[in-house]
Amino acid sequence: MEFVYEIEVAKQGELKKVLEADPYADDSFSRLGYTLKDSAAVAMPSGKTILYFKCEEQAKGTTLAARLKAVEGLAEVTGENKQKVISVIHAEEDNAAAGFGSIFG
């Protein structure tokens, strides 16, 4: 499952507190990994921060998504915008992997 959320840049600090809480727990964002991007970098209107994370286990993903509800102003991105963000992030990951592979031949 892939999750995409957006929040005003001014409230990004509140989001980071939730993301960085208890980093050594099995169900923490730190262990799972997440991406924070400026909304303009993922082809969306500027002024917001985009949170992306991916979780193979649905129960863990649901638990993490529930923790995000504590962040005021955080909204889930859905539909076409969600797909746009996911495709940009996947393209960046693919480009990074290709670049890394070319270093080691």
PDB file of N, CA and C in Angstrom:
ATOM      1  N   MET A   1       0.830  -1.164   0.000  1.00  0.00           N
ATOM      2  CA  MET A   1       0.000   0.000   0.000  1.00  0.00           C
ATOM      3  C   MET A   1       0.884   1.240   0.000  1.00  0.00           C
ATOM      4  N   GLU A   2       0.466   2.215  -0.765  1.00  0.00           N
ATOM      5  CA  GLU A   2       1.196   3.469  -0.824  1.00  0.00           C
ATOM      6  C   GLU A   2       0.303   4.587  -0.299  1.00  0.00           C
ATOM      7  N   PHE A   3       0.888   5.439   0.525  1.00  0.00           N
ATOM      8  CA  PHE A   3       0.151   6.510   1.173  1.00  0.00           C
ATOM      9  C   PHE A   3       0.750   7.851   0.783  1.00  0.00           C
ATOM     10  N   VAL A   4      -0.102   8.821   0.512  1.00  0.00           N
ATOM     11  CA  VAL A   4       0.344  10.175   0.156  1.00  0.00           C
ATOM     12  C   VAL A   4      -0.511  11.169   0.936  1.00  0.00           C
ATOM     13  N   TYR A   5       0.163  12.100   1.617  1.00  0.00           N
ATOM     14  CA  TYR A   5      -0.504  13.140   2.386  1.00  0.00           C
ATOM     15  C   TYR A   5       0.117  14.485   2.057  1.00  0.00           C
ATOM     16  N   GLU A   6      -0.628  15.558   2.334  1.00  0.00           N
ATOM     17  CA  GLU A   6      -0.096  16.903   2.146  1.00  0.00           C
ATOM     18  C   GLU A   6      -0.414  17.748   3.369  1.00  0.00           C
ATOM     19  N   ILE A   7       0.467  18.730   3.618  1.00  0.00           N
ATOM     20  CA  ILE A   7       0.286  19.642   4.742  1.00  0.00           C
ATOM     21  C   ILE A   7       0.938  20.973   4.379  1.00  0.00           C
ATOM     22  N   GLU A   8       0.417  22.039   4.930  1.00  0.00           N
ATOM     23  CA  GLU A   8       1.014  23.355   4.711  1.00  0.00           C
ATOM     24  C   GLU A   8       2.453  23.334   5.226  1.00  0.00           C
ATOM     25  N   VAL A   9       3.348  24.019   4.527  1.00  0.00           N
ATOM     26  CA  VAL A   9       4.756  24.046   4.910  1.00  0.00           C
ATOM     27  C   VAL A   9       4.923  24.549   6.344  1.00  0.00           C
ATOM     28  N   ALA A  10       4.120  25.510   6.750  1.00  0.00           N
ATOM     29  CA  ALA A  10       4.223  26.084   8.097  1.00  0.00           C
ATOM     30  C   ALA A  10       3.952  25.060   9.191  1.00  0.00           C
ATOM     31  N   LYS A  11       3.231  24.002   8.900  1.00  0.00           N
ATOM     32  CA  LYS A  11       2.887  22.983   9.895  1.00  0.00           C
ATOM     33  C   LYS A  11       3.748  21.730   9.780  1.00  0.00           C
ATOM     34  N   GLN A  12       4.779  21.805   8.978  1.00  0.00           N
ATOM     35  CA  GLN A  12       5.641  20.655   8.745  1.00  0.00           C
ATOM     36  C   GLN A  12       6.306  20.174  10.042  1.00  0.00           C
ATOM     37  N   GLY A  13       6.590  21.073  10.960  1.00  0.00           N
ATOM     38  CA  GLY A  13       7.216  20.699  12.232  1.00  0.00           C
ATOM     39  C   GLY A  13       6.363  19.730  13.029  1.00  0.00           C
ATOM     40  N   GLU A  14       5.051  19.953  13.038  1.00  0.00           N
ATOM     41  CA  GLU A  14       4.145  19.043  13.745  1.00  0.00           C
ATOM     42  C   GLU A  14       4.189  17.655  13.122  1.00  0.00           C
ATOM     43  N   LEU A  15       4.234  17.609  11.811  1.00  0.00           N
ATOM     44  CA  LEU A  15       4.302  16.333  11.101  1.00  0.00           C
ATOM     45  C   LEU A  15       5.597  15.605  11.439  1.00  0.00           C
ATOM     46  N   LYS A  16       6.709  16.321  11.440  1.00  0.00           N
ATOM     47  CA  LYS A  16       8.003  15.696  11.729  1.00  0.00           C
ATOM     48  C   LYS A  16       8.046  15.100  13.131  1.00  0.00           C
ATOM     49  N   LYS A  17       7.366  15.728  14.091  1.00  0.00           N
ATOM     50  CA  LYS A  17       7.331  15.169  15.448  1.00  0.00           C
ATOM     51  C   LYS A  17       6.707  13.779  15.442  1.00  0.00           C
ATOM     52  N   VAL A  18       5.637  13.600  14.689  1.00  0.00           N
ATOM     53  CA  VAL A  18       4.978  12.295  14.603  1.00  0.00           C
ATOM     54  C   VAL A  18       5.859  11.310  13.837  1.00  0.00           C
ATOM     55  N   LEU A  19       6.468  11.757  12.756  1.00  0.00           N
ATOM     56  CA  LEU A  19       7.296  10.873  11.939  1.00  0.00           C
ATOM     57  C   LEU A  19       8.542  10.400  12.681  1.00  0.00           C
ATOM     58  N   GLU A  20       9.094  11.256  13.532  1.00  0.00           N
ATOM     59  CA  GLU A  20      10.346  10.927  14.218  1.00  0.00           C
ATOM     60  C   GLU A  20      10.145  10.322  15.601  1.00  0.00           C
ATOM     61  N   ALA A  21       8.906  10.181  16.034  1.00  0.00           N
ATOM     62  CA  ALA A  21       8.618   9.624  17.357  1.00  0.00           C
ATOM     63  C   ALA A  21       8.987   8.137  17.420  1.00  0.00           C
ATOM     64  N   ASP A  22       9.612   7.736  18.510  1.00  0.00           N
ATOM     65  CA  ASP A  22       9.955   6.337  18.789  1.00  0.00           C
ATOM     66  C   ASP A  22      10.579   5.639  17.568  1.00  0.00           C
ATOM     67  N   PRO A  23      11.750   6.113  17.125  1.00  0.00           N
ATOM     68  CA  PRO A  23      12.333   5.601  15.879  1.00  0.00           C
ATOM     69  C   PRO A  23      12.750   4.135  15.896  1.00  0.00           C
ATOM     70  N   TYR A  24      12.870   3.531  17.081  1.00  0.00           N
ATOM     71  CA  TYR A  24      13.335   2.146  17.150  1.00  0.00           C
ATOM     72  C   TYR A  24      12.206   1.121  17.273  1.00  0.00           C
ATOM     73  N   ALA A  25      10.977   1.597  17.342  1.00  0.00           N
ATOM     74  CA  ALA A  25       9.834   0.690  17.417  1.00  0.00           C
ATOM     75  C   ALA A  25       9.659  -0.036  16.086  1.00  0.00           C
ATOM     76  N   ASP A  26       9.124  -1.246  16.157  1.00  0.00           N
ATOM     77  CA  ASP A  26       8.921  -2.030  14.931  1.00  0.00           C
ATOM     78  C   ASP A  26       7.956  -1.362  13.966  1.00  0.00           C
ATOM     79  N   ASP A  27       7.006  -0.600  14.497  1.00  0.00           N
ATOM     80  CA  ASP A  27       6.017   0.040  13.636  1.00  0.00           C
ATOM     81  C   ASP A  27       6.220   1.564  13.582  1.00  0.00           C
ATOM     82  N   SER A  28       7.472   1.969  13.432  1.00  0.00           N
ATOM     83  CA  SER A  28       7.765   3.400  13.368  1.00  0.00           C
ATOM     84  C   SER A  28       7.969   3.827  11.910  1.00  0.00           C
ATOM     85  N   PHE A  29       7.748   5.091  11.669  1.00  0.00           N
ATOM     86  CA  PHE A  29       7.994   5.644  10.341  1.00  0.00           C
ATOM     87  C   PHE A  29       9.486   5.577  10.011  1.00  0.00           C
ATOM     88  N   SER A  30      10.328   5.734  11.017  1.00  0.00           N
ATOM     89  CA  SER A  30      11.772   5.703  10.787  1.00  0.00           C
ATOM     90  C   SER A  30      12.237   4.357  10.259  1.00  0.00           C
ATOM     91  N   ARG A  31      11.702   3.296  10.806  1.00  0.00           N
ATOM     92  CA  ARG A  31      12.076   1.957  10.324  1.00  0.00           C
ATOM     93  C   ARG A  31      11.501   1.665   8.950  1.00  0.00           C
ATOM     94  N   LEU A  32      10.296   2.126   8.727  1.00  0.00           N
ATOM     95  CA  LEU A  32       9.631   1.867   7.456  1.00  0.00           C
ATOM     96  C   LEU A  32      10.254   2.693   6.336  1.00  0.00           C
ATOM     97  N   GLY A  33      10.533   3.932   6.648  1.00  0.00           N
ATOM     98  CA  GLY A  33      11.056   4.860   5.652  1.00  0.00           C
ATOM     99  C   GLY A  33       9.928   5.679   5.046  1.00  0.00           C
ATOM    100  N   TYR A  34      10.205   6.921   4.805  1.00  0.00           N
ATOM    101  CA  TYR A  34       9.224   7.831   4.231  1.00  0.00           C
ATOM    102  C   TYR A  34       9.956   8.902   3.437  1.00  0.00           C
ATOM    103  N   THR A  35       9.212   9.609   2.633  1.00  0.00           N
ATOM    104  CA  THR A  35       9.769  10.684   1.819  1.00  0.00           C
ATOM    105  C   THR A  35       8.960  11.946   2.059  1.00  0.00           C
ATOM    106  N   LEU A  36       9.655  13.052   2.319  1.00  0.00           N
ATOM    107  CA  LEU A  36       9.028  14.363   2.396  1.00  0.00           C
ATOM    108  C   LEU A  36       9.513  15.170   1.200  1.00  0.00           C
ATOM    109  N   LYS A  37       8.588  15.764   0.475  1.00  0.00           N
ATOM    110  CA  LYS A  37       8.925  16.531  -0.722  1.00  0.00           C
ATOM    111  C   LYS A  37       8.153  17.838  -0.729  1.00  0.00           C
ATOM    112  N   ASP A  38       8.747  18.840  -1.336  1.00  0.00           N
ATOM    113  CA  ASP A  38       8.013  20.071  -1.605  1.00  0.00           C
ATOM    114  C   ASP A  38       6.994  19.742  -2.685  1.00  0.00           C
ATOM    115  N   SER A  39       5.795  20.254  -2.550  1.00  0.00           N
ATOM    116  CA  SER A  39       4.737  19.906  -3.498  1.00  0.00           C
ATOM    117  C   SER A  39       5.073  20.305  -4.933  1.00  0.00           C
ATOM    118  N   ALA A  40       5.821  21.383  -5.121  1.00  0.00           N
ATOM    119  CA  ALA A  40       6.191  21.801  -6.471  1.00  0.00           C
ATOM    120  C   ALA A  40       7.116  20.774  -7.138  1.00  0.00           C
ATOM    121  N   ALA A  41       7.874  20.030  -6.331  1.00  0.00           N
ATOM    122  CA  ALA A  41       8.801  19.032  -6.873  1.00  0.00           C
ATOM    123  C   ALA A  41       8.079  17.785  -7.389  1.00  0.00           C
ATOM    124  N   VAL A  42       6.810  17.648  -7.043  1.00  0.00           N
ATOM    125  CA  VAL A  42       6.047  16.491  -7.503  1.00  0.00           C
ATOM    126  C   VAL A  42       4.852  16.924  -8.351  1.00  0.00           C
ATOM    127  N   ALA A  43       5.033  18.026  -9.051  1.00  0.00           N
ATOM    128  CA  ALA A  43       4.046  18.529 -10.017  1.00  0.00           C
ATOM    129  C   ALA A  43       2.694  18.879  -9.406  1.00  0.00           C
ATOM    130  N   MET A  44       2.736  19.446  -8.202  1.00  0.00           N
ATOM    131  CA  MET A  44       1.516  19.923  -7.549  1.00  0.00           C
ATOM    132  C   MET A  44       1.717  21.394  -7.193  1.00  0.00           C
ATOM    133  N   PRO A  45       0.642  22.122  -6.899  1.00  0.00           N
ATOM    134  CA  PRO A  45       0.786  23.533  -6.524  1.00  0.00           C
ATOM    135  C   PRO A  45       1.728  23.695  -5.332  1.00  0.00           C
ATOM    136  N   SER A  46       2.540  24.741  -5.353  1.00  0.00           N
ATOM    137  CA  SER A  46       3.541  24.928  -4.305  1.00  0.00           C
ATOM    138  C   SER A  46       2.913  25.399  -2.996  1.00  0.00           C
ATOM    139  N   GLY A  47       3.720  25.391  -1.946  1.00  0.00           N
ATOM    140  CA  GLY A  47       3.268  25.849  -0.644  1.00  0.00           C
ATOM    141  C   GLY A  47       2.920  24.742   0.325  1.00  0.00           C
ATOM    142  N   LYS A  48       3.074  23.515  -0.107  1.00  0.00           N
ATOM    143  CA  LYS A  48       2.749  22.381   0.760  1.00  0.00           C
ATOM    144  C   LYS A  48       3.914  21.400   0.776  1.00  0.00           C
ATOM    145  N   THR A  49       3.907  20.577   1.809  1.00  0.00           N
ATOM    146  CA  THR A  49       4.867  19.490   1.922  1.00  0.00           C
ATOM    147  C   THR A  49       4.108  18.191   1.684  1.00  0.00           C
ATOM    148  N   ILE A  50       4.705  17.312   0.905  1.00  0.00           N
ATOM    149  CA  ILE A  50       4.098  16.023   0.580  1.00  0.00           C
ATOM    150  C   ILE A  50       4.811  14.927   1.367  1.00  0.00           C
ATOM    151  N   LEU A  51       4.032  14.071   2.012  1.00  0.00           N
ATOM    152  CA  LEU A  51       4.549  12.896   2.705  1.00  0.00           C
ATOM    153  C   LEU A  51       4.162  11.674   1.902  1.00  0.00           C
ATOM    154  N   TYR A  52       5.143  10.819   1.621  1.00  0.00           N
ATOM    155  CA  TYR A  52       4.901   9.561   0.915  1.00  0.00           C
ATOM    156  C   TYR A  52       5.531   8.444   1.730  1.00  0.00           C
ATOM    157  N   PHE A  53       4.792   7.370   1.916  1.00  0.00           N
ATOM    158  CA  PHE A  53       5.384   6.157   2.468  1.00  0.00           C
ATOM    159  C   PHE A  53       4.664   4.952   1.898  1.00  0.00           C
ATOM    160  N   LYS A  54       5.376   3.843   1.922  1.00  0.00           N
ATOM    161  CA  LYS A  54       4.873   2.602   1.340  1.00  0.00           C
ATOM    162  C   LYS A  54       5.009   1.513   2.394  1.00  0.00           C
ATOM    163  N   CYS A  55       3.980   0.687   2.500  1.00  0.00           N
ATOM    164  CA  CYS A  55       3.982  -0.372   3.502  1.00  0.00           C
ATOM    165  C   CYS A  55       3.399  -1.638   2.879  1.00  0.00           C
ATOM    166  N   GLU A  56       4.123  -2.729   2.970  1.00  0.00           N
ATOM    167  CA  GLU A  56       3.664  -3.998   2.413  1.00  0.00           C
ATOM    168  C   GLU A  56       2.569  -4.626   3.271  1.00  0.00           C
ATOM    169  N   GLU A  57       2.650  -4.423   4.584  1.00  0.00           N
ATOM    170  CA  GLU A  57       1.670  -4.995   5.503  1.00  0.00           C
ATOM    171  C   GLU A  57       0.535  -4.004   5.712  1.00  0.00           C
ATOM    172  N   GLN A  58      -0.667  -4.398   5.368  1.00  0.00           N
ATOM    173  CA  GLN A  58      -1.810  -3.496   5.455  1.00  0.00           C
ATOM    174  C   GLN A  58      -2.074  -3.063   6.898  1.00  0.00           C
ATOM    175  N   ALA A  59      -1.951  -3.965   7.854  1.00  0.00           N
ATOM    176  CA  ALA A  59      -2.219  -3.620   9.251  1.00  0.00           C
ATOM    177  C   ALA A  59      -1.251  -2.547   9.743  1.00  0.00           C
ATOM    178  N   LYS A  60       0.020  -2.691   9.401  1.00  0.00           N
ATOM    179  CA  LYS A  60       1.016  -1.706   9.816  1.00  0.00           C
ATOM    180  C   LYS A  60       0.749  -0.360   9.137  1.00  0.00           C
ATOM    181  N   GLY A  61       0.402  -0.390   7.876  1.00  0.00           N
ATOM    182  CA  GLY A  61       0.086   0.837   7.146  1.00  0.00           C
ATOM    183  C   GLY A  61      -1.105   1.556   7.743  1.00  0.00           C
ATOM    184  N   THR A  62      -2.115   0.798   8.121  1.00  0.00           N
ATOM    185  CA  THR A  62      -3.304   1.379   8.740  1.00  0.00           C
ATOM    186  C   THR A  62      -2.963   1.994  10.091  1.00  0.00           C
ATOM    187  N   THR A  63      -2.115   1.324  10.869  1.00  0.00           N
ATOM    188  CA  THR A  63      -1.690   1.847  12.166  1.00  0.00           C
ATOM    189  C   THR A  63      -0.930   3.159  12.003  1.00  0.00           C
ATOM    190  N   LEU A  64      -0.003   3.187  11.058  1.00  0.00           N
ATOM    191  CA  LEU A  64       0.777   4.405  10.835  1.00  0.00           C
ATOM    192  C   LEU A  64      -0.104   5.542  10.327  1.00  0.00           C
ATOM    193  N   ALA A  65      -1.015   5.235   9.423  1.00  0.00           N
ATOM    194  CA  ALA A  65      -1.924   6.259   8.909  1.00  0.00           C
ATOM    195  C   ALA A  65      -2.793   6.820  10.032  1.00  0.00           C
ATOM    196  N   ALA A  66      -3.185   5.985  10.979  1.00  0.00           N
ATOM    197  CA  ALA A  66      -3.998   6.445  12.109  1.00  0.00           C
ATOM    198  C   ALA A  66      -3.219   7.423  12.984  1.00  0.00           C
ATOM    199  N   ARG A  67      -1.912   7.204  13.135  1.00  0.00           N
ATOM    200  CA  ARG A  67      -1.088   8.127  13.923  1.00  0.00           C
ATOM    201  C   ARG A  67      -1.054   9.522  13.297  1.00  0.00           C
ATOM    202  N   LEU A  68      -1.149   9.561  11.994  1.00  0.00           N
ATOM    203  CA  LEU A  68      -1.079  10.845  11.294  1.00  0.00           C
ATOM    204  C   LEU A  68      -2.318  11.706  11.532  1.00  0.00           C
ATOM    205  N   LYS A  69      -3.405  11.099  11.970  1.00  0.00           N
ATOM    206  CA  LYS A  69      -4.634  11.864  12.213  1.00  0.00           C
ATOM    207  C   LYS A  69      -4.447  12.887  13.321  1.00  0.00           C
ATOM    208  N   ALA A  70      -3.420  12.711  14.147  1.00  0.00           N
ATOM    209  CA  ALA A  70      -3.144  13.652  15.229  1.00  0.00           C
ATOM    210  C   ALA A  70      -2.563  14.966  14.715  1.00  0.00           C
ATOM    211  N   VAL A  71      -2.104  14.976  13.477  1.00  0.00           N
ATOM    212  CA  VAL A  71      -1.484  16.171  12.901  1.00  0.00           C
ATOM    213  C   VAL A  71      -2.562  17.035  12.262  1.00  0.00           C
ATOM    214  N   GLU A  72      -2.783  18.189  12.858  1.00  0.00           N
ATOM    215  CA  GLU A  72      -3.816  19.099  12.361  1.00  0.00           C
ATOM    216  C   GLU A  72      -3.413  19.664  10.998  1.00  0.00           C
ATOM    217  N   GLY A  73      -4.332  19.618  10.064  1.00  0.00           N
ATOM    218  CA  GLY A  73      -4.084  20.173   8.736  1.00  0.00           C
ATOM    219  C   GLY A  73      -3.541  19.180   7.728  1.00  0.00           C
ATOM    220  N   LEU A  74      -3.227  17.977   8.171  1.00  0.00           N
ATOM    221  CA  LEU A  74      -2.722  16.952   7.258  1.00  0.00           C
ATOM    222  C   LEU A  74      -3.898  16.348   6.507  1.00  0.00           C
ATOM    223  N   ALA A  75      -3.774  16.259   5.194  1.00  0.00           N
ATOM    224  CA  ALA A  75      -4.856  15.715   4.373  1.00  0.00           C
ATOM    225  C   ALA A  75      -4.310  14.646   3.443  1.00  0.00           C
ATOM    226  N   GLU A  76      -5.072  13.594   3.266  1.00  0.00           N
ATOM    227  CA  GLU A  76      -4.682  12.531   2.345  1.00  0.00           C
ATOM    228  C   GLU A  76      -4.876  13.011   0.911  1.00  0.00           C
ATOM    229  N   VAL A  77      -3.904  12.703   0.079  1.00  0.00           N
ATOM    230  CA  VAL A  77      -3.995  13.020  -1.344  1.00  0.00           C
ATOM    231  C   VAL A  77      -4.581  11.789  -2.029  1.00  0.00           C
ATOM    232  N   THR A  78      -5.580  11.994  -2.859  1.00  0.00           N
ATOM    233  CA  THR A  78      -6.251  10.866  -3.501  1.00  0.00           C
ATOM    234  C   THR A  78      -6.345  11.081  -5.003  1.00  0.00           C
ATOM    235  N   GLY A  79      -6.828  10.056  -5.681  1.00  0.00           N
ATOM    236  CA  GLY A  79      -7.134  10.150  -7.099  1.00  0.00           C
ATOM    237  C   GLY A  79      -5.941  10.425  -7.991  1.00  0.00           C
ATOM    238  N   GLU A  80      -6.167  11.299  -8.955  1.00  0.00           N
ATOM    239  CA  GLU A  80      -5.152  11.603  -9.958  1.00  0.00           C
ATOM    240  C   GLU A  80      -3.908  12.242  -9.341  1.00  0.00           C
ATOM    241  N   ASN A  81      -4.088  13.110  -8.358  1.00  0.00           N
ATOM    242  CA  ASN A  81      -2.939  13.747  -7.707  1.00  0.00           C
ATOM    243  C   ASN A  81      -2.074  12.725  -6.981  1.00  0.00           C
ATOM    244  N   LYS A  82      -2.709  11.748  -6.342  1.00  0.00           N
ATOM    245  CA  LYS A  82      -1.949  10.697  -5.660  1.00  0.00           C
ATOM    246  C   LYS A  82      -1.111   9.923  -6.673  1.00  0.00           C
ATOM    247  N   GLN A  83      -1.710   9.561  -7.780  1.00  0.00           N
ATOM    248  CA  GLN A  83      -0.977   8.819  -8.808  1.00  0.00           C
ATOM    249  C   GLN A  83       0.177   9.638  -9.387  1.00  0.00           C
ATOM    250  N   LYS A  84      -0.046  10.930  -9.523  1.00  0.00           N
ATOM    251  CA  LYS A  84       0.999  11.818 -10.034  1.00  0.00           C
ATOM    252  C   LYS A  84       2.203  11.827  -9.089  1.00  0.00           C
ATOM    253  N   VAL A  85       1.943  11.965  -7.795  1.00  0.00           N
ATOM    254  CA  VAL A  85       3.014  11.976  -6.793  1.00  0.00           C
ATOM    255  C   VAL A  85       3.745  10.639  -6.786  1.00  0.00           C
ATOM    256  N   ILE A  86       2.997   9.553  -6.784  1.00  0.00           N
ATOM    257  CA  ILE A  86       3.605   8.219  -6.754  1.00  0.00           C
ATOM    258  C   ILE A  86       4.483   7.999  -7.972  1.00  0.00           C
ATOM    259  N   SER A  87       4.024   8.403  -9.148  1.00  0.00           N
ATOM    260  CA  SER A  87       4.831   8.188 -10.358  1.00  0.00           C
ATOM    261  C   SER A  87       6.107   9.022 -10.331  1.00  0.00           C
ATOM    262  N   VAL A  88       6.056  10.240  -9.815  1.00  0.00           N
ATOM    263  CA  VAL A  88       7.267  11.070  -9.712  1.00  0.00           C
ATOM    264  C   VAL A  88       8.261  10.433  -8.746  1.00  0.00           C
ATOM    265  N   ILE A  89       7.777   9.966  -7.608  1.00  0.00           N
ATOM    266  CA  ILE A  89       8.671   9.358  -6.613  1.00  0.00           C
ATOM    267  C   ILE A  89       9.254   8.052  -7.141  1.00  0.00           C
ATOM    268  N   HIS A  90       8.464   7.238  -7.812  1.00  0.00           N
ATOM    269  CA  HIS A  90       8.976   5.989  -8.392  1.00  0.00           C
ATOM    270  C   HIS A  90      10.034   6.296  -9.450  1.00  0.00           C
ATOM    271  N   ALA A  91       9.803   7.303 -10.271  1.00  0.00           N
ATOM    272  CA  ALA A  91      10.781   7.675 -11.301  1.00  0.00           C
ATOM    273  C   ALA A  91      12.096   8.106 -10.664  1.00  0.00           C
ATOM    274  N   GLU A  92      12.017   8.882  -9.575  1.00  0.00           N
ATOM    275  CA  GLU A  92      13.233   9.299  -8.878  1.00  0.00           C
ATOM    276  C   GLU A  92      13.973   8.105  -8.289  1.00  0.00           C
ATOM    277  N   GLU A  93      13.227   7.160  -7.720  1.00  0.00           N
ATOM    278  CA  GLU A  93      13.849   5.957  -7.159  1.00  0.00           C
ATOM    279  C   GLU A  93      14.530   5.141  -8.256  1.00  0.00           C
ATOM    280  N   ASP A  94      13.861   5.007  -9.398  1.00  0.00           N
ATOM    281  CA  ASP A  94      14.440   4.257 -10.516  1.00  0.00           C
ATOM    282  C   ASP A  94      15.702   4.929 -11.035  1.00  0.00           C
ATOM    283  N   ASN A  95      15.672   6.247 -11.151  1.00  0.00           N
ATOM    284  CA  ASN A  95      16.849   6.982 -11.616  1.00  0.00           C
ATOM    285  C   ASN A  95      18.008   6.852 -10.637  1.00  0.00           C
ATOM    286  N   ALA A  96      17.705   6.890  -9.346  1.00  0.00           N
ATOM    287  CA  ALA A  96      18.749   6.738  -8.333  1.00  0.00           C
ATOM    288  C   ALA A  96      19.357   5.339  -8.398  1.00  0.00           C
ATOM    289  N   ALA A  97      18.514   4.324  -8.556  1.00  0.00           N
ATOM    290  CA  ALA A  97      19.014   2.953  -8.639  1.00  0.00           C
ATOM    291  C   ALA A  97      19.851   2.756  -9.899  1.00  0.00           C
ATOM    292  N   ALA A  98      19.427   3.347 -10.999  1.00  0.00           N
ATOM    293  CA  ALA A  98      20.199   3.228 -12.244  1.00  0.00           C
ATOM    294  C   ALA A  98      21.539   3.921 -12.111  1.00  0.00           C
ATOM    295  N   GLY A  99      21.553   5.081 -11.488  1.00  0.00           N
ATOM    296  CA  GLY A  99      22.812   5.806 -11.273  1.00  0.00           C
ATOM    297  C   GLY A  99      23.750   5.061 -10.359  1.00  0.00           C
ATOM    298  N   PHE A 100      23.212   4.469  -9.325  1.00  0.00           N
ATOM    299  CA  PHE A 100      24.013   3.695  -8.386  1.00  0.00           C
ATOM    300  C   PHE A 100      24.578   2.459  -9.072  1.00  0.00           C
ATOM    301  N   GLY A 101      23.766   1.821  -9.907  1.00  0.00           N
ATOM    302  CA  GLY A 101      24.217   0.638 -10.634  1.00  0.00           C
ATOM    303  C   GLY A 101      25.328   0.943 -11.600  1.00  0.00           C
ATOM    304  N   SER A 102      25.296   2.119 -12.214  1.00  0.00           N
ATOM    305  CA  SER A 102      26.344   2.475 -13.174  1.00  0.00           C
ATOM    306  C   SER A 102      27.677   2.736 -12.484  1.00  0.00           C
ATOM    307  N   ILE A 103      27.643   3.083 -11.209  1.00  0.00           N
ATOM    308  CA  ILE A 103      28.892   3.290 -10.464  1.00  0.00           C
ATOM    309  C   ILE A 103      29.633   1.970 -10.321  1.00  0.00           C
ATOM    310  N   PHE A 104      28.889   0.912 -10.069  1.00  0.00           N
ATOM    311  CA  PHE A 104      29.514  -0.389  -9.830  1.00  0.00           C
ATOM    312  C   PHE A 104      29.509  -1.288 -11.056  1.00  0.00           C
ATOM    313  N   GLY A 105      28.989  -0.771 -12.148  1.00  0.00           N
ATOM    314  CA  GLY A 105      29.041  -1.439 -13.435  1.00  0.00           C
ATOM    315  C   GLY A 105      28.234  -2.653 -13.523  1.00  0.00           C
TER     316      GLY A 105
END
